[in-house]
Amino acid sequence: MLIPLKELSSVFTCPQKSNITMVTWKISPKVGGPCTLGYRADQNKTDRTNCSDSMNWKFRPDRDPTLEIRQVKIAHEGNYTCEVVAPEGNFHETHHLTVLVPPKPTLSCDDQGNPVCQAAAGKPAAQISWVRESNSTPNEEGHDDGTVTVLSKFTAHSTKVTNATCIVSHPAGNWSASIACPPRSSNGKVILYVSIILCFLSIIIFVAVIYYFKLHHDRLCHKTRPPETALTHSPQDDTMEVEPYTTYVQKENAIYNSVSDLTV
């Protein structure tokens, strides 16, 4: 039995027999352990083992042993077997519960101007197709709760295609929508490349200007530096230093001359 998740409850029937002696529901869900619901006519008593409150008899079990599941969830998936004991014999009937989760479809345009169709969190996985021919391969992503998200990107064989229609097929229901995406233009890439080039040129010019001013500043500092003062040695100083010696020599010679005169 396929049960859409949006339905609030689900019911499972048992073989209808008169003068039922005993009824037992044996439930084996995919999540969690097994549980049982039982009824005995001789004791007019019902019991339950390891069953949640969402599972119960829909009516009085001695009249109608139908089982009801309220607030159906994915965890309720599994096998439900009803065993009936009556004077005519023993009878059983098994139901297999599968919960359907309808996906959430969306249709949009990506940055490249391609239509993108998505069927999110569906169970089982939805089927996506396009009205116009496309070589797109759907991508599936599974989730922990058992649902699957399907993504398909439309890729047209011709660049003249202006719109596309997405069709989502699912056991819980079908969905379709159309969209017209603007064709991608190369102007955006040209503007991006020009902007990058201008940015690099600006950086290079800025560095060159800084280098020029730094070099010019160093040259100005070199020109304005005062010359080093060197000690000058004038000839007059040499004369002053030599004159006393000359005078002394002249006087000494005069003495020598006087002695010569005396000797003669």
C-alpha atoms as a PDB file:
ATOM      1  CA  MET A   1       0.000   0.000   0.000  1.00  0.00           C
ATOM      2  CA  LEU A   2       1.316   3.438  -1.004  1.00  0.00           C
ATOM      3  CA  ILE A   3       0.420   6.194   1.419  1.00  0.00           C
ATOM      4  CA  PRO A   4       1.228   9.869   0.688  1.00  0.00           C
ATOM      5  CA  LEU A   5       2.826  11.539   3.650  1.00  0.00           C
ATOM      6  CA  LYS A   6       0.314  14.385   3.524  1.00  0.00           C
ATOM      7  CA  GLU A   7      -2.497  11.982   4.523  1.00  0.00           C
ATOM      8  CA  LEU A   8      -3.198  12.057   8.235  1.00  0.00           C
ATOM      9  CA  SER A   9      -4.040   8.370   8.719  1.00  0.00           C
ATOM     10  CA  SER A  10      -4.058   4.957   7.101  1.00  0.00           C
ATOM     11  CA  VAL A  11      -6.135   1.822   7.746  1.00  0.00           C
ATOM     12  CA  PHE A  12      -5.433  -1.893   7.217  1.00  0.00           C
ATOM     13  CA  THR A  13      -8.186  -4.464   7.097  1.00  0.00           C
ATOM     14  CA  CYS A  14      -8.367  -8.046   8.356  1.00  0.00           C
ATOM     15  CA  PRO A  15     -10.272 -10.992   6.918  1.00  0.00           C
ATOM     16  CA  GLN A  16     -13.885 -10.500   7.927  1.00  0.00           C
ATOM     17  CA  LYS A  17     -15.096 -13.564   9.813  1.00  0.00           C
ATOM     18  CA  SER A  18     -17.973 -14.155  12.194  1.00  0.00           C
ATOM     19  CA  ASN A  19     -17.466 -15.402  15.720  1.00  0.00           C
ATOM     20  CA  ILE A  20     -13.813 -14.377  15.865  1.00  0.00           C
ATOM     21  CA  THR A  21     -11.934 -16.130  18.631  1.00  0.00           C
ATOM     22  CA  MET A  22      -8.668 -14.216  18.470  1.00  0.00           C
ATOM     23  CA  VAL A  23      -7.087 -11.474  16.380  1.00  0.00           C
ATOM     24  CA  THR A  24      -3.386 -10.551  16.299  1.00  0.00           C
ATOM     25  CA  TRP A  25      -1.680  -7.798  14.395  1.00  0.00           C
ATOM     26  CA  LYS A  26       2.052  -8.413  13.867  1.00  0.00           C
ATOM     27  CA  ILE A  27       3.891  -5.281  12.748  1.00  0.00           C
ATOM     28  CA  SER A  28       7.480  -5.218  11.482  1.00  0.00           C
ATOM     29  CA  PRO A  29       8.480  -1.613  10.723  1.00  0.00           C
ATOM     30  CA  LYS A  30      11.732  -0.690   8.960  1.00  0.00           C
ATOM     31  CA  VAL A  31      12.655   1.555  11.873  1.00  0.00           C
ATOM     32  CA  GLY A  32      12.480   0.190  15.411  1.00  0.00           C
ATOM     33  CA  GLY A  33      11.530  -3.232  16.716  1.00  0.00           C
ATOM     34  CA  PRO A  34       8.403  -5.314  15.992  1.00  0.00           C
ATOM     35  CA  CYS A  35       5.169  -4.767  17.848  1.00  0.00           C
ATOM     36  CA  THR A  36       1.898  -6.658  18.287  1.00  0.00           C
ATOM     37  CA  LEU A  37      -1.744  -5.830  18.952  1.00  0.00           C
ATOM     38  CA  GLY A  38      -3.949  -8.656  20.208  1.00  0.00           C
ATOM     39  CA  TYR A  39      -7.546  -9.438  21.079  1.00  0.00           C
ATOM     40  CA  ARG A  40      -9.052 -12.499  22.792  1.00  0.00           C
ATOM     41  CA  ALA A  41     -12.798 -12.962  22.635  1.00  0.00           C
ATOM     42  CA  ASP A  42     -12.975 -15.459  25.498  1.00  0.00           C
ATOM     43  CA  GLN A  43     -11.463 -12.869  27.837  1.00  0.00           C
ATOM     44  CA  ASN A  44     -12.807  -9.850  25.981  1.00  0.00           C
ATOM     45  CA  LYS A  45      -9.339  -8.381  26.402  1.00  0.00           C
ATOM     46  CA  THR A  46      -6.889  -6.449  24.225  1.00  0.00           C
ATOM     47  CA  ASP A  47      -3.182  -6.047  24.744  1.00  0.00           C
ATOM     48  CA  ARG A  48      -0.291  -4.340  22.973  1.00  0.00           C
ATOM     49  CA  THR A  49       3.436  -4.951  23.013  1.00  0.00           C
ATOM     50  CA  ASN A  50       5.974  -2.340  21.961  1.00  0.00           C
ATOM     51  CA  CYS A  51       3.492  -0.435  19.774  1.00  0.00           C
ATOM     52  CA  SER A  52       3.294   3.335  19.693  1.00  0.00           C
ATOM     53  CA  ASP A  53       0.111   5.210  20.478  1.00  0.00           C
ATOM     54  CA  SER A  54      -0.290   6.114  16.811  1.00  0.00           C
ATOM     55  CA  MET A  55      -1.245   2.461  16.079  1.00  0.00           C
ATOM     56  CA  ASN A  56      -4.589   1.249  17.429  1.00  0.00           C
ATOM     57  CA  TRP A  57      -7.850  -0.441  16.613  1.00  0.00           C
ATOM     58  CA  LYS A  58     -10.083   1.664  14.455  1.00  0.00           C
ATOM     59  CA  PHE A  59     -13.278   0.044  15.811  1.00  0.00           C
ATOM     60  CA  ARG A  60     -14.105  -2.544  18.435  1.00  0.00           C
ATOM     61  CA  PRO A  61     -11.925  -5.557  17.584  1.00  0.00           C
ATOM     62  CA  ASP A  62     -14.733  -8.060  18.226  1.00  0.00           C
ATOM     63  CA  ARG A  63     -16.749  -6.401  15.472  1.00  0.00           C
ATOM     64  CA  ASP A  64     -14.127  -5.079  13.086  1.00  0.00           C
ATOM     65  CA  PRO A  65     -10.401  -5.733  13.691  1.00  0.00           C
ATOM     66  CA  THR A  66      -9.265  -2.981  11.309  1.00  0.00           C
ATOM     67  CA  LEU A  67      -5.972  -1.339  12.266  1.00  0.00           C
ATOM     68  CA  GLU A  68      -5.541   2.439  12.047  1.00  0.00           C
ATOM     69  CA  ILE A  69      -2.284   4.410  11.904  1.00  0.00           C
ATOM     70  CA  ARG A  70      -2.638   8.071  12.770  1.00  0.00           C
ATOM     71  CA  GLN A  71      -0.130  10.716  11.650  1.00  0.00           C
ATOM     72  CA  VAL A  72       1.622   8.502   9.129  1.00  0.00           C
ATOM     73  CA  LYS A  73       5.405   8.981   8.987  1.00  0.00           C
ATOM     74  CA  ILE A  74       8.310   7.424   7.129  1.00  0.00           C
ATOM     75  CA  ALA A  75       9.139   5.410  10.273  1.00  0.00           C
ATOM     76  CA  HIS A  76       5.837   3.539   9.857  1.00  0.00           C
ATOM     77  CA  GLU A  77       6.997   1.820   6.680  1.00  0.00           C
ATOM     78  CA  GLY A  78       7.064  -1.959   6.933  1.00  0.00           C
ATOM     79  CA  ASN A  79       4.913  -5.087   6.929  1.00  0.00           C
ATOM     80  CA  TYR A  80       1.556  -5.367   8.739  1.00  0.00           C
ATOM     81  CA  THR A  81       0.108  -8.892   9.105  1.00  0.00           C
ATOM     82  CA  CYS A  82      -3.288  -9.698  10.572  1.00  0.00           C
ATOM     83  CA  GLU A  83      -3.966 -13.215  11.878  1.00  0.00           C
ATOM     84  CA  VAL A  84      -7.571 -14.223  12.613  1.00  0.00           C
ATOM     85  CA  VAL A  85      -8.704 -17.331  14.447  1.00  0.00           C
ATOM     86  CA  ALA A  86     -12.338 -18.311  13.800  1.00  0.00           C
ATOM     87  CA  PRO A  87     -14.446 -21.499  13.839  1.00  0.00           C
ATOM     88  CA  GLU A  88     -13.876 -21.738  10.080  1.00  0.00           C
ATOM     89  CA  GLY A  89     -10.118 -21.848  10.571  1.00  0.00           C
ATOM     90  CA  ASN A  90      -7.077 -19.545  10.715  1.00  0.00           C
ATOM     91  CA  PHE A  91      -6.699 -16.688   8.258  1.00  0.00           C
ATOM     92  CA  HIS A  92      -4.085 -14.056   7.707  1.00  0.00           C
ATOM     93  CA  GLU A  93      -3.572 -11.050   5.503  1.00  0.00           C
ATOM     94  CA  THR A  94      -0.362  -9.028   5.011  1.00  0.00           C
ATOM     95  CA  HIS A  95      -0.026  -5.397   3.984  1.00  0.00           C
ATOM     96  CA  HIS A  96       3.172  -3.643   2.970  1.00  0.00           C
ATOM     97  CA  LEU A  97       3.235   0.051   3.793  1.00  0.00           C
ATOM     98  CA  THR A  98       5.316   2.476   1.714  1.00  0.00           C
ATOM     99  CA  VAL A  99       5.194   6.144   2.558  1.00  0.00           C
ATOM    100  CA  LEU A 100       5.368   8.595  -0.329  1.00  0.00           C
ATOM    101  CA  VAL A 101       6.927  12.004   0.250  1.00  0.00           C
ATOM    102  CA  PRO A 102       6.063  14.503  -2.493  1.00  0.00           C
ATOM    103  CA  PRO A 103       9.101  16.541  -3.562  1.00  0.00           C
ATOM    104  CA  LYS A 104       9.315  20.324  -3.511  1.00  0.00           C
ATOM    105  CA  PRO A 105       9.909  21.392  -7.130  1.00  0.00           C
ATOM    106  CA  THR A 106      11.620  24.636  -8.120  1.00  0.00           C
ATOM    107  CA  LEU A 107      12.710  26.090 -11.464  1.00  0.00           C
ATOM    108  CA  SER A 108      15.276  28.881 -11.787  1.00  0.00           C
ATOM    109  CA  CYS A 109      18.159  30.227 -13.890  1.00  0.00           C
ATOM    110  CA  ASP A 110      21.796  29.842 -12.926  1.00  0.00           C
ATOM    111  CA  ASP A 111      24.597  32.395 -13.412  1.00  0.00           C
ATOM    112  CA  GLN A 112      25.372  30.994 -16.859  1.00  0.00           C
ATOM    113  CA  GLY A 113      21.824  31.539 -18.099  1.00  0.00           C
ATOM    114  CA  ASN A 114      20.821  27.837 -17.982  1.00  0.00           C
ATOM    115  CA  PRO A 115      17.468  26.660 -16.571  1.00  0.00           C
ATOM    116  CA  VAL A 116      17.854  24.526 -13.439  1.00  0.00           C
ATOM    117  CA  CYS A 117      15.064  22.264 -12.182  1.00  0.00           C
ATOM    118  CA  GLN A 118      15.113  20.740  -8.710  1.00  0.00           C
ATOM    119  CA  ALA A 119      12.849  18.268  -6.922  1.00  0.00           C
ATOM    120  CA  ALA A 120      13.878  18.427  -3.265  1.00  0.00           C
ATOM    121  CA  ALA A 121      13.351  15.824  -0.524  1.00  0.00           C
ATOM    122  CA  GLY A 122      11.099  13.395  -2.352  1.00  0.00           C
ATOM    123  CA  LYS A 123      10.506   9.706  -1.663  1.00  0.00           C
ATOM    124  CA  PRO A 124      11.075   7.891  -3.873  1.00  0.00           C
ATOM    125  CA  ALA A 125      13.318  10.017  -6.092  1.00  0.00           C
ATOM    126  CA  ALA A 126      11.413  12.109  -8.603  1.00  0.00           C
ATOM    127  CA  GLN A 127      11.938  11.911 -12.354  1.00  0.00           C
ATOM    128  CA  ILE A 128      12.850  15.170 -14.137  1.00  0.00           C
ATOM    129  CA  SER A 129      12.451  15.662 -17.862  1.00  0.00           C
ATOM    130  CA  TRP A 130      12.458  18.620 -20.263  1.00  0.00           C
ATOM    131  CA  VAL A 131      10.011  19.373 -23.036  1.00  0.00           C
ATOM    132  CA  ARG A 132      12.805  20.523 -25.360  1.00  0.00           C
ATOM    133  CA  GLU A 133      15.688  18.198 -26.073  1.00  0.00           C
ATOM    134  CA  SER A 134      18.483  18.346 -23.542  1.00  0.00           C
ATOM    135  CA  ASN A 135      21.600  16.298 -22.820  1.00  0.00           C
ATOM    136  CA  SER A 136      21.354  16.939 -19.088  1.00  0.00           C
ATOM    137  CA  THR A 137      22.029  14.117 -16.607  1.00  0.00           C
ATOM    138  CA  PRO A 138      20.111  14.454 -13.305  1.00  0.00           C
ATOM    139  CA  ASN A 139      22.128  14.420 -10.085  1.00  0.00           C
ATOM    140  CA  GLU A 140      20.686  12.734  -6.986  1.00  0.00           C
ATOM    141  CA  GLU A 141      21.525  13.432  -3.351  1.00  0.00           C
ATOM    142  CA  GLY A 142      20.207  11.170  -0.611  1.00  0.00           C
ATOM    143  CA  HIS A 143      19.258  12.347   2.894  1.00  0.00           C
ATOM    144  CA  ASP A 144      19.259  10.613   6.278  1.00  0.00           C
ATOM    145  CA  ASP A 145      15.457  10.454   6.419  1.00  0.00           C
ATOM    146  CA  GLY A 146      15.280   8.408   3.206  1.00  0.00           C
ATOM    147  CA  THR A 147      14.281  11.256   0.912  1.00  0.00           C
ATOM    148  CA  VAL A 148      16.175  12.167  -2.259  1.00  0.00           C
ATOM    149  CA  THR A 149      16.836  15.516  -3.938  1.00  0.00           C
ATOM    150  CA  VAL A 150      17.132  15.480  -7.735  1.00  0.00           C
ATOM    151  CA  LEU A 151      18.780  18.333  -9.680  1.00  0.00           C
ATOM    152  CA  SER A 152      18.766  18.720 -13.457  1.00  0.00           C
ATOM    153  CA  LYS A 153      20.358  21.506 -15.530  1.00  0.00           C
ATOM    154  CA  PHE A 154      18.968  22.178 -18.984  1.00  0.00           C
ATOM    155  CA  THR A 155      21.591  22.273 -21.736  1.00  0.00           C
ATOM    156  CA  ALA A 156      20.107  23.073 -25.124  1.00  0.00           C
ATOM    157  CA  HIS A 157      21.489  21.662 -28.346  1.00  0.00           C
ATOM    158  CA  SER A 158      20.826  25.014 -29.993  1.00  0.00           C
ATOM    159  CA  THR A 159      21.710  28.481 -28.735  1.00  0.00           C
ATOM    160  CA  LYS A 160      18.431  29.848 -30.160  1.00  0.00           C
ATOM    161  CA  VAL A 161      16.349  28.222 -27.407  1.00  0.00           C
ATOM    162  CA  THR A 162      14.728  30.981 -25.364  1.00  0.00           C
ATOM    163  CA  ASN A 163      12.617  29.012 -22.871  1.00  0.00           C
ATOM    164  CA  ALA A 164      12.324  25.529 -21.432  1.00  0.00           C
ATOM    165  CA  THR A 165       9.717  23.509 -19.570  1.00  0.00           C
ATOM    166  CA  CYS A 166      10.571  21.220 -16.658  1.00  0.00           C
ATOM    167  CA  ILE A 167       8.367  18.223 -15.835  1.00  0.00           C
ATOM    168  CA  VAL A 168       8.646  16.525 -12.433  1.00  0.00           C
ATOM    169  CA  SER A 169       7.072  13.070 -12.256  1.00  0.00           C
ATOM    170  CA  HIS A 170       6.406  11.418  -8.902  1.00  0.00           C
ATOM    171  CA  PRO A 171       3.978   8.773  -7.581  1.00  0.00           C
ATOM    172  CA  ALA A 172       2.543  11.395  -5.215  1.00  0.00           C
ATOM    173  CA  GLY A 173       1.809  13.785  -8.095  1.00  0.00           C
ATOM    174  CA  ASN A 174       3.255  15.496 -11.160  1.00  0.00           C
ATOM    175  CA  TRP A 175       4.381  19.105 -11.619  1.00  0.00           C
ATOM    176  CA  SER A 176       5.515  21.234 -14.553  1.00  0.00           C
ATOM    177  CA  ALA A 177       6.666  24.803 -15.108  1.00  0.00           C
ATOM    178  CA  SER A 178       8.308  26.894 -17.827  1.00  0.00           C
ATOM    179  CA  ILE A 179      10.995  29.541 -17.639  1.00  0.00           C
ATOM    180  CA  ALA A 180      12.833  31.845 -20.055  1.00  0.00           C
ATOM    181  CA  CYS A 181      16.425  32.544 -19.068  1.00  0.00           C
ATOM    182  CA  PRO A 182      18.307  35.466 -20.673  1.00  0.00           C
ATOM    183  CA  PRO A 183      21.150  34.251 -22.898  1.00  0.00           C
ATOM    184  CA  ARG A 184      24.533  34.573 -21.349  1.00  0.00           C
ATOM    185  CA  SER A 185      26.588  37.413 -22.764  1.00  0.00           C
ATOM    186  CA  SER A 186      30.334  37.737 -23.196  1.00  0.00           C
ATOM    187  CA  ASN A 187      30.241  41.427 -22.251  1.00  0.00           C
ATOM    188  CA  GLY A 188      30.405  40.518 -18.602  1.00  0.00           C
ATOM    189  CA  LYS A 189      33.617  38.557 -19.090  1.00  0.00           C
ATOM    190  CA  VAL A 190      35.168  41.344 -21.188  1.00  0.00           C
ATOM    191  CA  ILE A 191      34.375  43.888 -18.480  1.00  0.00           C
ATOM    192  CA  LEU A 192      35.868  41.576 -15.869  1.00  0.00           C
ATOM    193  CA  TYR A 193      39.096  41.098 -17.836  1.00  0.00           C
ATOM    194  CA  VAL A 194      39.427  44.838 -18.534  1.00  0.00           C
ATOM    195  CA  SER A 195      38.885  45.624 -14.864  1.00  0.00           C
ATOM    196  CA  ILE A 196      41.610  43.168 -13.843  1.00  0.00           C
ATOM    197  CA  ILE A 197      44.071  44.643 -16.366  1.00  0.00           C
ATOM    198  CA  LEU A 198      43.333  48.206 -15.251  1.00  0.00           C
ATOM    199  CA  CYS A 199      43.811  47.186 -11.651  1.00  0.00           C
ATOM    200  CA  PHE A 200      47.266  45.736 -12.374  1.00  0.00           C
ATOM    201  CA  LEU A 201      48.239  48.814 -14.405  1.00  0.00           C
ATOM    202  CA  SER A 202      47.176  51.099 -11.553  1.00  0.00           C
ATOM    203  CA  ILE A 203      49.321  49.152  -9.118  1.00  0.00           C
ATOM    204  CA  ILE A 204      52.343  49.303 -11.444  1.00  0.00           C
ATOM    205  CA  ILE A 205      51.938  53.076 -11.999  1.00  0.00           C
ATOM    206  CA  PHE A 206      51.564  53.670  -8.280  1.00  0.00           C
ATOM    207  CA  VAL A 207      54.756  51.755  -7.502  1.00  0.00           C
ATOM    208  CA  ALA A 208      56.625  53.587 -10.282  1.00  0.00           C
ATOM    209  CA  VAL A 209      55.551  57.012  -8.968  1.00  0.00           C
ATOM    210  CA  ILE A 210      56.665  56.130  -5.449  1.00  0.00           C
ATOM    211  CA  TYR A 211      60.050  54.937  -6.757  1.00  0.00           C
ATOM    212  CA  TYR A 212      60.500  58.109  -8.822  1.00  0.00           C
ATOM    213  CA  PHE A 213      59.791  60.445  -5.910  1.00  0.00           C
ATOM    214  CA  LYS A 214      62.076  58.467  -3.629  1.00  0.00           C
ATOM    215  CA  LEU A 215      64.938  58.618  -6.144  1.00  0.00           C
ATOM    216  CA  HIS A 216      64.413  62.348  -6.770  1.00  0.00           C
ATOM    217  CA  HIS A 217      64.407  63.069  -3.044  1.00  0.00           C
ATOM    218  CA  ASP A 218      67.742  61.282  -2.560  1.00  0.00           C
ATOM    219  CA  ARG A 219      69.325  63.377  -5.302  1.00  0.00           C
ATOM    220  CA  LEU A 220      68.110  66.653  -3.754  1.00  0.00           C
ATOM    221  CA  CYS A 221      69.560  65.701  -0.400  1.00  0.00           C
ATOM    222  CA  HIS A 222      72.934  64.964  -2.033  1.00  0.00           C
ATOM    223  CA  LYS A 223      73.085  68.360  -3.788  1.00  0.00           C
ATOM    224  CA  THR A 224      72.196  70.466  -0.743  1.00  0.00           C
ATOM    225  CA  ARG A 225      74.782  68.869   1.562  1.00  0.00           C
ATOM    226  CA  PRO A 226      77.468  71.546   2.605  1.00  0.00           C
ATOM    227  CA  PRO A 227      81.067  70.941   1.348  1.00  0.00           C
ATOM    228  CA  GLU A 228      83.602  69.700   3.817  1.00  0.00           C
ATOM    229  CA  THR A 229      86.038  72.443   5.057  1.00  0.00           C
ATOM    230  CA  ALA A 230      89.687  71.563   4.495  1.00  0.00           C
ATOM    231  CA  LEU A 231      92.548  73.092   6.427  1.00  0.00           C
ATOM    232  CA  THR A 232      94.503  75.548   4.213  1.00  0.00           C
ATOM    233  CA  HIS A 233      98.202  76.133   4.583  1.00  0.00           C
ATOM    234  CA  SER A 234      99.236  79.641   3.477  1.00  0.00           C
ATOM    235  CA  PRO A 235     102.763  80.503   2.379  1.00  0.00           C
ATOM    236  CA  GLN A 236     102.870  83.324   4.941  1.00  0.00           C
ATOM    237  CA  ASP A 237     102.774  80.803   7.737  1.00  0.00           C
ATOM    238  CA  ASP A 238     105.762  79.060   6.237  1.00  0.00           C
ATOM    239  CA  THR A 239     107.510  82.367   6.113  1.00  0.00           C
ATOM    240  CA  MET A 240     106.699  83.090   9.699  1.00  0.00           C
ATOM    241  CA  GLU A 241     108.000  79.734  10.714  1.00  0.00           C
ATOM    242  CA  VAL A 242     111.245  80.099   8.726  1.00  0.00           C
ATOM    243  CA  GLU A 243     112.086  83.721   9.522  1.00  0.00           C
ATOM    244  CA  PRO A 244     113.265  83.206  13.117  1.00  0.00           C
ATOM    245  CA  TYR A 245     115.678  80.545  11.976  1.00  0.00           C
ATOM    246  CA  THR A 246     116.953  82.802   9.219  1.00  0.00           C
ATOM    247  CA  THR A 247     117.493  85.675  11.615  1.00  0.00           C
ATOM    248  CA  TYR A 248     119.304  83.443  13.998  1.00  0.00           C
ATOM    249  CA  VAL A 249     121.562  82.205  11.287  1.00  0.00           C
ATOM    250  CA  GLN A 250     122.273  85.679  10.130  1.00  0.00           C
ATOM    251  CA  LYS A 251     123.256  86.775  13.638  1.00  0.00           C
ATOM    252  CA  GLU A 252     125.441  83.743  14.094  1.00  0.00           C
ATOM    253  CA  ASN A 253     127.199  84.524  10.869  1.00  0.00           C
ATOM    254  CA  ALA A 254     127.780  88.025  12.052  1.00  0.00           C
ATOM    255  CA  ILE A 255     129.488  86.692  15.159  1.00  0.00           C
ATOM    256  CA  TYR A 256     131.622  84.425  13.089  1.00  0.00           C
ATOM    257  CA  ASN A 257     132.638  87.365  10.965  1.00  0.00           C
ATOM    258  CA  SER A 258     133.646  89.400  13.997  1.00  0.00           C
ATOM    259  CA  VAL A 259     135.893  86.656  15.285  1.00  0.00           C
ATOM    260  CA  SER A 260     137.611  86.452  11.936  1.00  0.00           C
ATOM    261  CA  ASP A 261     138.235  90.071  11.998  1.00  0.00           C
ATOM    262  CA  LEU A 262     139.835  89.834  15.390  1.00  0.00           C
ATOM    263  CA  THR A 263     142.093  87.047  14.310  1.00  0.00           C
ATOM    264  CA  VAL A 264     143.316  88.895  11.350  1.00  0.00           C
END
